[in-house]
């Protein structure tokens, strides 16, 4: 949290320092954990710190460093499905558009079909466009409107209907 506050204050040096402290403390506490539950807790904290480090590196333009940090997060992590999109953006910045598409197709897997990432479609369309596959890019855009417009409308309806509710969203 401290590292994210420093980012908001545009103090990247302090943010990196906080992230490094977080990584060291989480790793130390994980190895000293007395129960599996405690070890898992500190492993998750470590992975959150890694994500923040990757985001900081991406923000400062160190795309390769960001990619290295993202790659340290294992596929069995709870964070893994959420960082695929961020990792795809790093590859986009590196100009590896095929890798972008490869990562994004992972969201089509039955295991991840409940994840709602409309931005993944946007990025896929951009990658196809950069590869000069204009028809594929247009297909993605059309699918985006067919799939996500009804979802957005349904969500908007629920939000508007319950805007004054004190406990609906609990």
C-alpha atoms as a PDB file:
ATOM      1  CA  UNK A   1       0.000   0.000   0.000  1.00  0.00           C
ATOM      2  CA  UNK A   2       2.835   2.344   0.855  1.00  0.00           C
ATOM      3  CA  UNK A   3       4.430   1.744  -2.537  1.00  0.00           C
ATOM      4  CA  UNK A   4       1.159   2.568  -4.310  1.00  0.00           C
ATOM      5  CA  UNK A   5       0.865   5.808  -2.334  1.00  0.00           C
ATOM      6  CA  UNK A   6       4.363   6.791  -3.447  1.00  0.00           C
ATOM      7  CA  UNK A   7       3.362   6.099  -7.053  1.00  0.00           C
ATOM      8  CA  UNK A   8       0.355   8.395  -6.623  1.00  0.00           C
ATOM      9  CA  UNK A   9       2.745  11.040  -5.282  1.00  0.00           C
ATOM     10  CA  UNK A  10       5.018  10.397  -8.296  1.00  0.00           C
ATOM     11  CA  UNK A  11       7.884   9.343  -6.015  1.00  0.00           C
ATOM     12  CA  UNK A  12       9.046   6.256  -7.877  1.00  0.00           C
ATOM     13  CA  UNK A  13      12.327   5.964  -5.954  1.00  0.00           C
ATOM     14  CA  UNK A  14      10.474   5.606  -2.642  1.00  0.00           C
ATOM     15  CA  UNK A  15       7.943   3.294  -4.273  1.00  0.00           C
ATOM     16  CA  UNK A  16      10.664   0.923  -5.475  1.00  0.00           C
ATOM     17  CA  UNK A  17      12.225   0.991  -2.005  1.00  0.00           C
ATOM     18  CA  UNK A  18       8.874   0.110  -0.398  1.00  0.00           C
ATOM     19  CA  UNK A  19       8.287  -2.711  -2.880  1.00  0.00           C
ATOM     20  CA  UNK A  20      11.737  -4.167  -2.196  1.00  0.00           C
ATOM     21  CA  UNK A  21      11.084  -4.016   1.562  1.00  0.00           C
ATOM     22  CA  UNK A  22       7.722  -5.686   1.032  1.00  0.00           C
ATOM     23  CA  UNK A  23       9.278  -8.480  -1.036  1.00  0.00           C
ATOM     24  CA  UNK A  24      12.012  -9.104   1.542  1.00  0.00           C
ATOM     25  CA  UNK A  25       9.615  -9.087   4.495  1.00  0.00           C
ATOM     26  CA  UNK A  26       7.060 -11.344   2.808  1.00  0.00           C
ATOM     27  CA  UNK A  27       9.749 -13.820   1.759  1.00  0.00           C
ATOM     28  CA  UNK A  28      11.254 -13.876   5.263  1.00  0.00           C
ATOM     29  CA  UNK A  29       7.888 -14.356   6.954  1.00  0.00           C
ATOM     30  CA  UNK A  30       6.852 -17.040   4.477  1.00  0.00           C
ATOM     31  CA  UNK A  31       9.928 -19.108   5.235  1.00  0.00           C
ATOM     32  CA  UNK A  32       9.390 -18.642   8.990  1.00  0.00           C
ATOM     33  CA  UNK A  33       5.657 -19.433   8.789  1.00  0.00           C
ATOM     34  CA  UNK A  34       4.536 -22.062  11.260  1.00  0.00           C
ATOM     35  CA  UNK A  35       1.452 -23.224   9.354  1.00  0.00           C
ATOM     36  CA  UNK A  36       0.614 -23.704   5.684  1.00  0.00           C
ATOM     37  CA  UNK A  37      -2.090 -21.064   5.975  1.00  0.00           C
ATOM     38  CA  UNK A  38       0.436 -18.478   7.205  1.00  0.00           C
ATOM     39  CA  UNK A  39       2.902 -19.465   4.482  1.00  0.00           C
ATOM     40  CA  UNK A  40       0.196 -19.077   1.809  1.00  0.00           C
ATOM     41  CA  UNK A  41      -0.721 -15.682   3.205  1.00  0.00           C
ATOM     42  CA  UNK A  42       2.857 -14.430   2.899  1.00  0.00           C
ATOM     43  CA  UNK A  43       3.248 -16.021  -0.529  1.00  0.00           C
ATOM     44  CA  UNK A  44       0.225 -14.030  -1.705  1.00  0.00           C
ATOM     45  CA  UNK A  45       1.666 -10.855  -0.146  1.00  0.00           C
ATOM     46  CA  UNK A  46       4.939 -11.554  -1.963  1.00  0.00           C
ATOM     47  CA  UNK A  47       3.107 -11.932  -5.270  1.00  0.00           C
ATOM     48  CA  UNK A  48       1.193  -8.689  -4.707  1.00  0.00           C
ATOM     49  CA  UNK A  49       4.522  -6.956  -4.131  1.00  0.00           C
ATOM     50  CA  UNK A  50       5.865  -8.502  -7.350  1.00  0.00           C
ATOM     51  CA  UNK A  51       2.869  -7.173  -9.261  1.00  0.00           C
ATOM     52  CA  UNK A  52       3.487  -3.711  -7.830  1.00  0.00           C
ATOM     53  CA  UNK A  53       7.147  -3.953  -8.791  1.00  0.00           C
ATOM     54  CA  UNK A  54       6.194  -4.945 -12.332  1.00  0.00           C
ATOM     55  CA  UNK A  55       3.730  -2.067 -12.553  1.00  0.00           C
ATOM     56  CA  UNK A  56       6.364   0.376 -11.322  1.00  0.00           C
ATOM     57  CA  UNK A  57       8.882  -0.902 -13.853  1.00  0.00           C
ATOM     58  CA  UNK A  58       6.286  -0.623 -16.626  1.00  0.00           C
ATOM     59  CA  UNK A  59       5.440   2.920 -15.547  1.00  0.00           C
ATOM     60  CA  UNK A  60       9.104   3.917 -15.702  1.00  0.00           C
ATOM     61  CA  UNK A  61       9.499   2.360 -19.160  1.00  0.00           C
ATOM     62  CA  UNK A  62      11.525  -0.682 -18.089  1.00  0.00           C
ATOM     63  CA  UNK A  63       9.388  -3.151 -20.018  1.00  0.00           C
ATOM     64  CA  UNK A  64      11.889  -6.000 -19.836  1.00  0.00           C
ATOM     65  CA  UNK A  65      12.192  -5.576 -16.061  1.00  0.00           C
ATOM     66  CA  UNK A  66       8.400  -5.553 -15.777  1.00  0.00           C
ATOM     67  CA  UNK A  67       8.193  -8.729 -17.832  1.00  0.00           C
ATOM     68  CA  UNK A  68      10.807 -10.415 -15.636  1.00  0.00           C
ATOM     69  CA  UNK A  69       8.800  -9.518 -12.519  1.00  0.00           C
ATOM     70  CA  UNK A  70       5.520 -10.765 -14.026  1.00  0.00           C
ATOM     71  CA  UNK A  71       7.203 -14.015 -15.060  1.00  0.00           C
ATOM     72  CA  UNK A  72       8.102 -14.742 -11.425  1.00  0.00           C
ATOM     73  CA  UNK A  73       4.424 -15.129 -10.582  1.00  0.00           C
ATOM     74  CA  UNK A  74       3.502 -18.809 -11.018  1.00  0.00           C
ATOM     75  CA  UNK A  75       0.472 -19.960 -12.983  1.00  0.00           C
ATOM     76  CA  UNK A  76      -0.997 -21.490  -9.816  1.00  0.00           C
ATOM     77  CA  UNK A  77      -1.154 -18.064  -8.175  1.00  0.00           C
ATOM     78  CA  UNK A  78      -4.502 -16.432  -7.487  1.00  0.00           C
ATOM     79  CA  UNK A  79      -3.059 -13.318  -9.147  1.00  0.00           C
ATOM     80  CA  UNK A  80      -2.092 -15.043 -12.399  1.00  0.00           C
ATOM     81  CA  UNK A  81      -5.367 -14.598 -14.351  1.00  0.00           C
ATOM     82  CA  UNK A  82      -5.405 -10.906 -13.505  1.00  0.00           C
ATOM     83  CA  UNK A  83      -1.831 -10.203 -14.565  1.00  0.00           C
ATOM     84  CA  UNK A  84      -2.137 -11.830 -17.989  1.00  0.00           C
ATOM     85  CA  UNK A  85      -3.621  -8.650 -19.373  1.00  0.00           C
ATOM     86  CA  UNK A  86      -0.918  -6.481 -17.799  1.00  0.00           C
ATOM     87  CA  UNK A  87       1.749  -8.818 -19.129  1.00  0.00           C
ATOM     88  CA  UNK A  88       0.155  -8.615 -22.590  1.00  0.00           C
ATOM     89  CA  UNK A  89       0.450  -4.821 -22.461  1.00  0.00           C
ATOM     90  CA  UNK A  90       4.171  -5.185 -21.730  1.00  0.00           C
ATOM     91  CA  UNK A  91       4.563  -7.392 -24.789  1.00  0.00           C
ATOM     92  CA  UNK A  92       2.587  -4.840 -26.790  1.00  0.00           C
ATOM     93  CA  UNK A  93       5.044  -2.130 -25.748  1.00  0.00           C
ATOM     94  CA  UNK A  94       7.914  -4.440 -26.735  1.00  0.00           C
ATOM     95  CA  UNK A  95       6.309  -4.930 -30.158  1.00  0.00           C
ATOM     96  CA  UNK A  96       5.765  -8.672 -29.731  1.00  0.00           C
ATOM     97  CA  UNK A  97       2.180  -8.671 -31.013  1.00  0.00           C
ATOM     98  CA  UNK A  98       1.984 -12.423 -31.556  1.00  0.00           C
ATOM     99  CA  UNK A  99       2.840 -12.970 -27.888  1.00  0.00           C
ATOM    100  CA  UNK A 100       0.125 -10.457 -26.974  1.00  0.00           C
ATOM    101  CA  UNK A 101      -2.436 -12.510 -28.881  1.00  0.00           C
ATOM    102  CA  UNK A 102      -1.114 -15.743 -27.389  1.00  0.00           C
ATOM    103  CA  UNK A 103      -1.582 -14.463 -23.855  1.00  0.00           C
ATOM    104  CA  UNK A 104      -5.017 -13.025 -24.533  1.00  0.00           C
ATOM    105  CA  UNK A 105      -6.350 -16.237 -26.070  1.00  0.00           C
ATOM    106  CA  UNK A 106      -5.857 -17.750 -22.607  1.00  0.00           C
ATOM    107  CA  UNK A 107      -8.987 -15.878 -21.506  1.00  0.00           C
ATOM    108  CA  UNK A 108     -10.961 -17.994 -23.998  1.00  0.00           C
ATOM    109  CA  UNK A 109     -10.154 -21.118 -21.982  1.00  0.00           C
ATOM    110  CA  UNK A 110     -13.127 -22.729 -20.195  1.00  0.00           C
ATOM    111  CA  UNK A 111     -11.233 -22.337 -16.915  1.00  0.00           C
ATOM    112  CA  UNK A 112     -11.183 -18.554 -17.285  1.00  0.00           C
ATOM    113  CA  UNK A 113     -14.480 -17.954 -19.091  1.00  0.00           C
ATOM    114  CA  UNK A 114     -15.997 -16.315 -16.007  1.00  0.00           C
ATOM    115  CA  UNK A 115     -13.352 -13.588 -15.962  1.00  0.00           C
ATOM    116  CA  UNK A 116     -14.632 -10.299 -17.357  1.00  0.00           C
ATOM    117  CA  UNK A 117     -11.842  -8.446 -19.193  1.00  0.00           C
ATOM    118  CA  UNK A 118     -13.256  -6.383 -22.061  1.00  0.00           C
ATOM    119  CA  UNK A 119      -9.902  -4.606 -22.271  1.00  0.00           C
ATOM    120  CA  UNK A 120      -8.413  -7.879 -23.518  1.00  0.00           C
ATOM    121  CA  UNK A 121     -10.562  -7.613 -26.637  1.00  0.00           C
ATOM    122  CA  UNK A 122      -9.461  -4.032 -27.149  1.00  0.00           C
ATOM    123  CA  UNK A 123      -5.790  -5.034 -26.874  1.00  0.00           C
ATOM    124  CA  UNK A 124      -6.290  -7.993 -29.224  1.00  0.00           C
ATOM    125  CA  UNK A 125      -7.813  -5.662 -31.822  1.00  0.00           C
ATOM    126  CA  UNK A 126      -4.819  -3.330 -31.456  1.00  0.00           C
ATOM    127  CA  UNK A 127      -2.378  -6.228 -31.848  1.00  0.00           C
ATOM    128  CA  UNK A 128      -4.135  -7.482 -34.980  1.00  0.00           C
ATOM    129  CA  UNK A 129      -4.099  -3.938 -36.338  1.00  0.00           C
ATOM    130  CA  UNK A 130      -0.349  -3.569 -35.674  1.00  0.00           C
ATOM    131  CA  UNK A 131       0.184  -6.876 -37.494  1.00  0.00           C
ATOM    132  CA  UNK A 132      -1.770  -5.364 -40.440  1.00  0.00           C
ATOM    133  CA  UNK A 133      -4.481  -8.009 -40.038  1.00  0.00           C
ATOM    134  CA  UNK A 134      -7.234  -5.471 -40.501  1.00  0.00           C
ATOM    135  CA  UNK A 135     -10.058  -7.948 -41.096  1.00  0.00           C
ATOM    136  CA  UNK A 136      -9.183  -9.802 -37.882  1.00  0.00           C
ATOM    137  CA  UNK A 137      -9.055  -6.506 -36.012  1.00  0.00           C
ATOM    138  CA  UNK A 138     -12.490  -5.544 -37.316  1.00  0.00           C
ATOM    139  CA  UNK A 139     -13.858  -8.968 -36.390  1.00  0.00           C
ATOM    140  CA  UNK A 140     -12.673  -8.463 -32.794  1.00  0.00           C
ATOM    141  CA  UNK A 141     -14.267  -5.015 -32.667  1.00  0.00           C
ATOM    142  CA  UNK A 142     -17.587  -6.391 -33.938  1.00  0.00           C
ATOM    143  CA  UNK A 143     -17.479  -9.294 -31.456  1.00  0.00           C
ATOM    144  CA  UNK A 144     -16.709  -6.809 -28.704  1.00  0.00           C
ATOM    145  CA  UNK A 145     -19.913  -4.913 -29.396  1.00  0.00           C
ATOM    146  CA  UNK A 146     -21.970  -8.101 -29.708  1.00  0.00           C
ATOM    147  CA  UNK A 147     -20.669  -9.680 -26.509  1.00  0.00           C
ATOM    148  CA  UNK A 148     -19.979  -6.776 -24.165  1.00  0.00           C
ATOM    149  CA  UNK A 149     -22.631  -4.192 -25.055  1.00  0.00           C
ATOM    150  CA  UNK A 150     -25.435  -6.376 -23.591  1.00  0.00           C
ATOM    151  CA  UNK A 151     -23.319  -7.046 -20.491  1.00  0.00           C
ATOM    152  CA  UNK A 152     -22.618  -3.352 -20.011  1.00  0.00           C
ATOM    153  CA  UNK A 153     -26.301  -2.546 -20.474  1.00  0.00           C
ATOM    154  CA  UNK A 154     -27.316  -5.181 -17.928  1.00  0.00           C
ATOM    155  CA  UNK A 155     -24.742  -3.914 -15.435  1.00  0.00           C
ATOM    156  CA  UNK A 156     -25.827  -0.324 -15.985  1.00  0.00           C
ATOM    157  CA  UNK A 157     -29.440  -1.332 -15.364  1.00  0.00           C
ATOM    158  CA  UNK A 158     -28.568  -3.009 -12.058  1.00  0.00           C
ATOM    159  CA  UNK A 159     -26.455  -0.050 -10.959  1.00  0.00           C
ATOM    160  CA  UNK A 160     -29.108   2.537 -11.811  1.00  0.00           C
ATOM    161  CA  UNK A 161     -31.878   0.471 -10.222  1.00  0.00           C
ATOM    162  CA  UNK A 162     -29.983   0.173  -6.936  1.00  0.00           C
ATOM    163  CA  UNK A 163     -28.162   3.491  -6.852  1.00  0.00           C
ATOM    164  CA  UNK A 164     -29.771   4.574  -3.586  1.00  0.00           C
ATOM    165  CA  UNK A 165     -29.622   1.192  -1.884  1.00  0.00           C
ATOM    166  CA  UNK A 166     -27.663   1.137   1.350  1.00  0.00           C
ATOM    167  CA  UNK A 167     -26.936  -2.591   1.297  1.00  0.00           C
ATOM    168  CA  UNK A 168     -27.635  -4.053  -2.162  1.00  0.00           C
ATOM    169  CA  UNK A 169     -23.966  -4.173  -3.107  1.00  0.00           C
ATOM    170  CA  UNK A 170     -22.974  -5.993   0.091  1.00  0.00           C
END
